[in-house]
């Protein structure tokens, strides 16, 4: 498995984890038991940060690849 496909797969799993943590957060708030614990409140931030960096990598990958091809021609 190449590095690019591994990063794509990791990004997909992080998006699933992010979605689950956001749903858990909404359920906790929706139950109306006061303020949710900090662990529940801040749990979506770690997958979101990881998705930011992997998404930026995948976004910039075509531009870096085309730059190297044009300079070698």
PDB file of N, CA and C in Angstrom:
ATOM      1  N   UNK A   1       0.854  -1.173   0.000  1.00  0.00           N
ATOM      2  CA  UNK A   1       0.000   0.000   0.000  1.00  0.00           C
ATOM      3  C   UNK A   1       0.902   1.240   0.000  1.00  0.00           C
ATOM      4  N   UNK A   2       0.684   2.123  -0.946  1.00  0.00           N
ATOM      5  CA  UNK A   2       1.523   3.307  -1.047  1.00  0.00           C
ATOM      6  C   UNK A   2       1.169   4.324   0.043  1.00  0.00           C
ATOM      7  N   UNK A   3       2.050   5.279   0.216  1.00  0.00           N
ATOM      8  CA  UNK A   3       1.848   6.289   1.250  1.00  0.00           C
ATOM      9  C   UNK A   3       0.594   7.112   0.974  1.00  0.00           C
ATOM     10  N   UNK A   4       0.346   7.465  -0.267  1.00  0.00           N
ATOM     11  CA  UNK A   4      -0.828   8.277  -0.593  1.00  0.00           C
ATOM     12  C   UNK A   4      -2.131   7.545  -0.296  1.00  0.00           C
ATOM     13  N   UNK A   5      -2.190   6.271  -0.639  1.00  0.00           N
ATOM     14  CA  UNK A   5      -3.423   5.521  -0.361  1.00  0.00           C
ATOM     15  C   UNK A   5      -3.590   5.285   1.131  1.00  0.00           C
ATOM     16  N   UNK A   6      -2.479   5.140   1.864  1.00  0.00           N
ATOM     17  CA  UNK A   6      -2.559   4.979   3.307  1.00  0.00           C
ATOM     18  C   UNK A   6      -3.096   6.257   3.956  1.00  0.00           C
ATOM     19  N   UNK A   7      -2.642   7.409   3.480  1.00  0.00           N
ATOM     20  CA  UNK A   7      -3.122   8.682   4.031  1.00  0.00           C
ATOM     21  C   UNK A   7      -4.593   8.880   3.709  1.00  0.00           C
ATOM     22  N   UNK A   8      -5.012   8.516   2.512  1.00  0.00           N
ATOM     23  CA  UNK A   8      -6.437   8.623   2.161  1.00  0.00           C
ATOM     24  C   UNK A   8      -7.299   7.745   3.061  1.00  0.00           C
ATOM     25  N   UNK A   9      -6.866   6.521   3.279  1.00  0.00           N
ATOM     26  CA  UNK A   9      -7.620   5.606   4.134  1.00  0.00           C
ATOM     27  C   UNK A   9      -7.657   6.121   5.572  1.00  0.00           C
ATOM     28  N   UNK A  10      -6.540   6.624   6.072  1.00  0.00           N
ATOM     29  CA  UNK A  10      -6.474   7.177   7.413  1.00  0.00           C
ATOM     30  C   UNK A  10      -7.397   8.390   7.535  1.00  0.00           C
ATOM     31  N   UNK A  11      -7.430   9.224   6.504  1.00  0.00           N
ATOM     32  CA  UNK A  11      -8.305  10.400   6.487  1.00  0.00           C
ATOM     33  C   UNK A  11      -9.775   9.974   6.532  1.00  0.00           C
ATOM     34  N   UNK A  12     -10.122   8.927   5.822  1.00  0.00           N
ATOM     35  CA  UNK A  12     -11.503   8.428   5.848  1.00  0.00           C
ATOM     36  C   UNK A  12     -11.891   7.935   7.234  1.00  0.00           C
ATOM     37  N   UNK A  13     -11.008   7.180   7.881  1.00  0.00           N
ATOM     38  CA  UNK A  13     -11.319   6.674   9.218  1.00  0.00           C
ATOM     39  C   UNK A  13     -11.392   7.805  10.236  1.00  0.00           C
ATOM     40  N   UNK A  14     -10.578   8.820  10.066  1.00  0.00           N
ATOM     41  CA  UNK A  14     -10.652   9.973  10.970  1.00  0.00           C
ATOM     42  C   UNK A  14     -11.971  10.723  10.775  1.00  0.00           C
ATOM     43  N   UNK A  15     -12.470  10.755   9.543  1.00  0.00           N
ATOM     44  CA  UNK A  15     -13.763  11.411   9.319  1.00  0.00           C
ATOM     45  C   UNK A  15     -14.897  10.637   9.972  1.00  0.00           C
ATOM     46  N   UNK A  16     -14.800   9.303   9.979  1.00  0.00           N
ATOM     47  CA  UNK A  16     -15.799   8.491  10.677  1.00  0.00           C
ATOM     48  C   UNK A  16     -15.730   8.759  12.179  1.00  0.00           C
ATOM     49  N   UNK A  17     -14.524   8.778  12.727  1.00  0.00           N
ATOM     50  CA  UNK A  17     -14.350   9.052  14.149  1.00  0.00           C
ATOM     51  C   UNK A  17     -14.833  10.449  14.512  1.00  0.00           C
ATOM     52  N   UNK A  18     -14.554  11.424  13.657  1.00  0.00           N
ATOM     53  CA  UNK A  18     -15.027  12.792  13.888  1.00  0.00           C
ATOM     54  C   UNK A  18     -16.553  12.845  13.912  1.00  0.00           C
ATOM     55  N   UNK A  19     -17.188  12.171  12.967  1.00  0.00           N
ATOM     56  CA  UNK A  19     -18.647  12.160  12.914  1.00  0.00           C
ATOM     57  C   UNK A  19     -19.238  11.528  14.169  1.00  0.00           C
ATOM     58  N   UNK A  20     -18.652  10.433  14.618  1.00  0.00           N
ATOM     59  CA  UNK A  20     -19.150   9.769  15.830  1.00  0.00           C
ATOM     60  C   UNK A  20     -19.003  10.679  17.040  1.00  0.00           C
ATOM     61  N   UNK A  21     -17.881  11.375  17.168  1.00  0.00           N
ATOM     62  CA  UNK A  21     -17.691  12.247  18.326  1.00  0.00           C
ATOM     63  C   UNK A  21     -18.623  13.451  18.293  1.00  0.00           C
ATOM     64  N   UNK A  22     -18.904  13.972  17.112  1.00  0.00           N
ATOM     65  CA  UNK A  22     -19.855  15.086  17.019  1.00  0.00           C
ATOM     66  C   UNK A  22     -21.257  14.617  17.389  1.00  0.00           C
ATOM     67  N   UNK A  23     -21.651  13.444  16.933  1.00  0.00           N
ATOM     68  CA  UNK A  23     -22.966  12.905  17.287  1.00  0.00           C
ATOM     69  C   UNK A  23     -23.059  12.667  18.785  1.00  0.00           C
ATOM     70  N   UNK A  24     -21.994  12.129  19.385  1.00  0.00           N
ATOM     71  CA  UNK A  24     -21.988  11.922  20.837  1.00  0.00           C
ATOM     72  C   UNK A  24     -22.111  13.247  21.569  1.00  0.00           C
ATOM     73  N   UNK A  25     -21.472  14.258  21.052  1.00  0.00           N
ATOM     74  CA  UNK A  25     -21.554  15.587  21.648  1.00  0.00           C
ATOM     75  C   UNK A  25     -22.978  16.131  21.557  1.00  0.00           C
ATOM     76  N   UNK A  26     -23.594  15.983  20.415  1.00  0.00           N
ATOM     77  CA  UNK A  26     -24.966  16.480  20.241  1.00  0.00           C
ATOM     78  C   UNK A  26     -25.956  15.712  21.104  1.00  0.00           C
ATOM     79  N   UNK A  27     -25.755  14.419  21.246  1.00  0.00           N
ATOM     80  CA  UNK A  27     -26.634  13.616  22.101  1.00  0.00           C
ATOM     81  C   UNK A  27     -26.492  14.055  23.550  1.00  0.00           C
ATOM     82  N   UNK A  28     -25.270  14.289  23.988  1.00  0.00           N
ATOM     83  CA  UNK A  28     -25.034  14.714  25.353  1.00  0.00           C
ATOM     84  C   UNK A  28     -25.678  16.072  25.620  1.00  0.00           C
ATOM     85  N   UNK A  29     -25.572  16.987  24.680  1.00  0.00           N
ATOM     86  CA  UNK A  29     -26.188  18.310  24.840  1.00  0.00           C
ATOM     87  C   UNK A  29     -27.712  18.186  24.755  1.00  0.00           C
ATOM     88  N   UNK A  30     -28.188  17.334  23.864  1.00  0.00           N
ATOM     89  CA  UNK A  30     -29.624  17.169  23.672  1.00  0.00           C
ATOM     90  C   UNK A  30     -30.329  16.534  24.855  1.00  0.00           C
ATOM     91  N   UNK A  31     -29.608  15.800  25.669  1.00  0.00           N
ATOM     92  CA  UNK A  31     -30.230  15.178  26.833  1.00  0.00           C
ATOM     93  C   UNK A  31     -30.569  16.217  27.905  1.00  0.00           C
ATOM     94  N   UNK A  32     -29.967  17.370  27.815  1.00  0.00           N
ATOM     95  CA  UNK A  32     -30.312  18.454  28.719  1.00  0.00           C
ATOM     96  C   UNK A  32     -29.909  18.232  30.155  1.00  0.00           C
ATOM     97  N   UNK A  33     -28.800  17.595  30.379  1.00  0.00           N
ATOM     98  CA  UNK A  33     -28.334  17.347  31.745  1.00  0.00           C
ATOM     99  C   UNK A  33     -27.294  18.376  32.173  1.00  0.00           C
ATOM    100  N   UNK A  34     -27.414  19.571  31.734  1.00  0.00           N
ATOM    101  CA  UNK A  34     -26.423  20.586  32.071  1.00  0.00           C
ATOM    102  C   UNK A  34     -25.285  20.568  31.072  1.00  0.00           C
ATOM    103  N   UNK A  35     -24.132  21.031  31.514  1.00  0.00           N
ATOM    104  CA  UNK A  35     -22.965  21.074  30.641  1.00  0.00           C
ATOM    105  C   UNK A  35     -22.370  19.682  30.485  1.00  0.00           C
ATOM    106  N   UNK A  36     -22.046  19.299  29.255  1.00  0.00           N
ATOM    107  CA  UNK A  36     -21.401  17.996  29.062  1.00  0.00           C
ATOM    108  C   UNK A  36     -19.966  18.033  29.600  1.00  0.00           C
ATOM    109  N   UNK A  37     -19.416  16.886  29.942  1.00  0.00           N
ATOM    110  CA  UNK A  37     -18.025  16.857  30.415  1.00  0.00           C
ATOM    111  C   UNK A  37     -17.059  17.354  29.343  1.00  0.00           C
ATOM    112  N   UNK A  38     -15.927  17.873  29.775  1.00  0.00           N
ATOM    113  CA  UNK A  38     -14.948  18.406  28.826  1.00  0.00           C
ATOM    114  C   UNK A  38     -14.445  17.348  27.861  1.00  0.00           C
ATOM    115  N   UNK A  39     -14.365  16.111  28.314  1.00  0.00           N
ATOM    116  CA  UNK A  39     -13.912  15.042  27.430  1.00  0.00           C
ATOM    117  C   UNK A  39     -14.845  14.903  26.225  1.00  0.00           C
ATOM    118  N   UNK A  40     -16.131  14.998  26.457  1.00  0.00           N
ATOM    119  CA  UNK A  40     -17.107  14.896  25.362  1.00  0.00           C
ATOM    120  C   UNK A  40     -17.084  16.162  24.523  1.00  0.00           C
ATOM    121  N   UNK A  41     -16.953  17.300  25.164  1.00  0.00           N
ATOM    122  CA  UNK A  41     -16.996  18.570  24.443  1.00  0.00           C
ATOM    123  C   UNK A  41     -15.830  18.727  23.484  1.00  0.00           C
ATOM    124  N   UNK A  42     -14.626  18.378  23.939  1.00  0.00           N
ATOM    125  CA  UNK A  42     -13.425  18.599  23.137  1.00  0.00           C
ATOM    126  C   UNK A  42     -12.978  17.376  22.346  1.00  0.00           C
ATOM    127  N   UNK A  43     -13.697  16.284  22.425  1.00  0.00           N
ATOM    128  CA  UNK A  43     -13.289  15.070  21.720  1.00  0.00           C
ATOM    129  C   UNK A  43     -13.262  15.208  20.195  1.00  0.00           C
ATOM    130  N   UNK A  44     -14.102  16.026  19.554  1.00  0.00           N
ATOM    131  CA  UNK A  44     -13.991  16.139  18.090  1.00  0.00           C
ATOM    132  C   UNK A  44     -12.755  16.887  17.604  1.00  0.00           C
ATOM    133  N   UNK A  45     -12.047  17.576  18.483  1.00  0.00           N
ATOM    134  CA  UNK A  45     -10.944  18.415  18.028  1.00  0.00           C
ATOM    135  C   UNK A  45      -9.734  17.624  17.540  1.00  0.00           C
ATOM    136  N   UNK A  46      -9.406  16.524  18.177  1.00  0.00           N
ATOM    137  CA  UNK A  46      -8.252  15.738  17.745  1.00  0.00           C
ATOM    138  C   UNK A  46      -8.454  15.140  16.347  1.00  0.00           C
ATOM    139  N   UNK A  47      -9.583  14.456  16.076  1.00  0.00           N
ATOM    140  CA  UNK A  47      -9.764  13.968  14.697  1.00  0.00           C
ATOM    141  C   UNK A  47      -9.844  15.110  13.681  1.00  0.00           C
ATOM    142  N   UNK A  48     -10.397  16.239  14.080  1.00  0.00           N
ATOM    143  CA  UNK A  48     -10.490  17.376  13.168  1.00  0.00           C
ATOM    144  C   UNK A  48      -9.106  17.916  12.824  1.00  0.00           C
ATOM    145  N   UNK A  49      -8.222  17.988  13.803  1.00  0.00           N
ATOM    146  CA  UNK A  49      -6.865  18.462  13.543  1.00  0.00           C
ATOM    147  C   UNK A  49      -6.115  17.500  12.628  1.00  0.00           C
ATOM    148  N   UNK A  50      -6.274  16.209  12.863  1.00  0.00           N
ATOM    149  CA  UNK A  50      -5.618  15.211  12.009  1.00  0.00           C
ATOM    150  C   UNK A  50      -6.161  15.300  10.589  1.00  0.00           C
ATOM    151  N   UNK A  51      -7.477  15.476  10.468  1.00  0.00           N
ATOM    152  CA  UNK A  51      -8.086  15.589   9.140  1.00  0.00           C
ATOM    153  C   UNK A  51      -7.634  16.857   8.425  1.00  0.00           C
ATOM    154  N   UNK A  52      -7.349  17.918   9.170  1.00  0.00           N
ATOM    155  CA  UNK A  52      -6.858  19.142   8.549  1.00  0.00           C
ATOM    156  C   UNK A  52      -5.514  18.890   7.866  1.00  0.00           C
ATOM    157  N   UNK A  53      -4.607  18.238   8.579  1.00  0.00           N
ATOM    158  CA  UNK A  53      -3.274  18.013   8.018  1.00  0.00           C
ATOM    159  C   UNK A  53      -3.275  16.980   6.899  1.00  0.00           C
ATOM    160  N   UNK A  54      -4.040  15.902   7.049  1.00  0.00           N
ATOM    161  CA  UNK A  54      -4.092  14.918   5.969  1.00  0.00           C
ATOM    162  C   UNK A  54      -4.826  15.479   4.755  1.00  0.00           C
ATOM    163  N   UNK A  55      -5.869  16.273   4.994  1.00  0.00           N
ATOM    164  CA  UNK A  55      -6.578  16.901   3.887  1.00  0.00           C
ATOM    165  C   UNK A  55      -5.731  17.921   3.162  1.00  0.00           C
ATOM    166  N   UNK A  56      -4.944  18.692   3.907  1.00  0.00           N
ATOM    167  CA  UNK A  56      -4.043  19.657   3.275  1.00  0.00           C
ATOM    168  C   UNK A  56      -2.988  18.941   2.446  1.00  0.00           C
ATOM    169  N   UNK A  57      -2.483  17.828   2.960  1.00  0.00           N
ATOM    170  CA  UNK A  57      -1.510  17.037   2.201  1.00  0.00           C
ATOM    171  C   UNK A  57      -2.115  16.546   0.890  1.00  0.00           C
ATOM    172  N   UNK A  58      -3.331  15.987   0.965  1.00  0.00           N
ATOM    173  CA  UNK A  58      -3.956  15.471  -0.250  1.00  0.00           C
ATOM    174  C   UNK A  58      -4.320  16.599  -1.207  1.00  0.00           C
ATOM    175  N   UNK A  59      -4.667  17.772  -0.675  1.00  0.00           N
ATOM    176  CA  UNK A  59      -5.000  18.906  -1.530  1.00  0.00           C
ATOM    177  C   UNK A  59      -3.769  19.428  -2.263  1.00  0.00           C
ATOM    178  N   UNK A  60      -2.648  19.500  -1.578  1.00  0.00           N
ATOM    179  CA  UNK A  60      -1.444  20.060  -2.181  1.00  0.00           C
ATOM    180  C   UNK A  60      -0.656  19.065  -3.026  1.00  0.00           C
ATOM    181  N   UNK A  61      -0.943  17.793  -2.895  1.00  0.00           N
ATOM    182  CA  UNK A  61      -0.196  16.768  -3.608  1.00  0.00           C
ATOM    183  C   UNK A  61      -0.183  16.955  -5.131  1.00  0.00           C
ATOM    184  N   UNK A  62      -1.309  17.245  -5.793  1.00  0.00           N
ATOM    185  CA  UNK A  62      -1.246  17.434  -7.252  1.00  0.00           C
ATOM    186  C   UNK A  62      -0.424  18.650  -7.666  1.00  0.00           C
ATOM    187  N   UNK A  63      -0.439  19.701  -6.860  1.00  0.00           N
ATOM    188  CA  UNK A  63       0.305  20.904  -7.208  1.00  0.00           C
ATOM    189  C   UNK A  63       1.801  20.698  -7.069  1.00  0.00           C
ATOM    190  N   UNK A  64       2.207  19.971  -6.057  1.00  0.00           N
ATOM    191  CA  UNK A  64       3.629  19.685  -5.875  1.00  0.00           C
ATOM    192  C   UNK A  64       4.105  18.750  -6.979  1.00  0.00           C
ATOM    193  N   UNK A  65       3.275  17.780  -7.342  1.00  0.00           N
ATOM    194  CA  UNK A  65       3.650  16.850  -8.403  1.00  0.00           C
ATOM    195  C   UNK A  65       3.776  17.511  -9.754  1.00  0.00           C
ATOM    196  N   UNK A  66       2.874  18.444 -10.081  1.00  0.00           N
ATOM    197  CA  UNK A  66       2.944  19.106 -11.380  1.00  0.00           C
ATOM    198  C   UNK A  66       4.091  20.092 -11.435  1.00  0.00           C
ATOM    199  N   UNK A  67       4.457  20.683 -10.318  1.00  0.00           N
ATOM    200  CA  UNK A  67       5.573  21.615 -10.295  1.00  0.00           C
ATOM    201  C   UNK A  67       6.870  20.877 -10.618  1.00  0.00           C
ATOM    202  N   UNK A  68       7.042  19.702 -10.066  1.00  0.00           N
ATOM    203  CA  UNK A  68       8.259  18.942 -10.344  1.00  0.00           C
ATOM    204  C   UNK A  68       8.315  18.477 -11.791  1.00  0.00           C
ATOM    205  N   UNK A  69       7.184  18.161 -12.378  1.00  0.00           N
ATOM    206  CA  UNK A  69       7.166  17.710 -13.767  1.00  0.00           C
ATOM    207  C   UNK A  69       7.479  18.853 -14.730  1.00  0.00           C
ATOM    208  N   UNK A  70       7.001  20.070 -14.437  1.00  0.00           N
ATOM    209  CA  UNK A  70       7.228  21.182 -15.342  1.00  0.00           C
ATOM    210  C   UNK A  70       8.665  21.669 -15.267  1.00  0.00           C
ATOM    211  N   UNK A  71       9.325  21.562 -14.138  1.00  0.00           N
ATOM    212  CA  UNK A  71      10.704  22.027 -14.040  1.00  0.00           C
ATOM    213  C   UNK A  71      11.690  21.061 -14.687  1.00  0.00           C
ATOM    214  N   UNK A  72      11.307  19.792 -14.792  1.00  0.00           N
ATOM    215  CA  UNK A  72      12.229  18.819 -15.377  1.00  0.00           C
ATOM    216  C   UNK A  72      12.117  18.758 -16.904  1.00  0.00           C
ATOM    217  N   UNK A  73      11.104  19.402 -17.489  1.00  0.00           N
ATOM    218  CA  UNK A  73      10.889  19.313 -18.942  1.00  0.00           C
ATOM    219  C   UNK A  73      11.717  20.285 -19.720  1.00  0.00           C
TER     220      UNK A  73
END
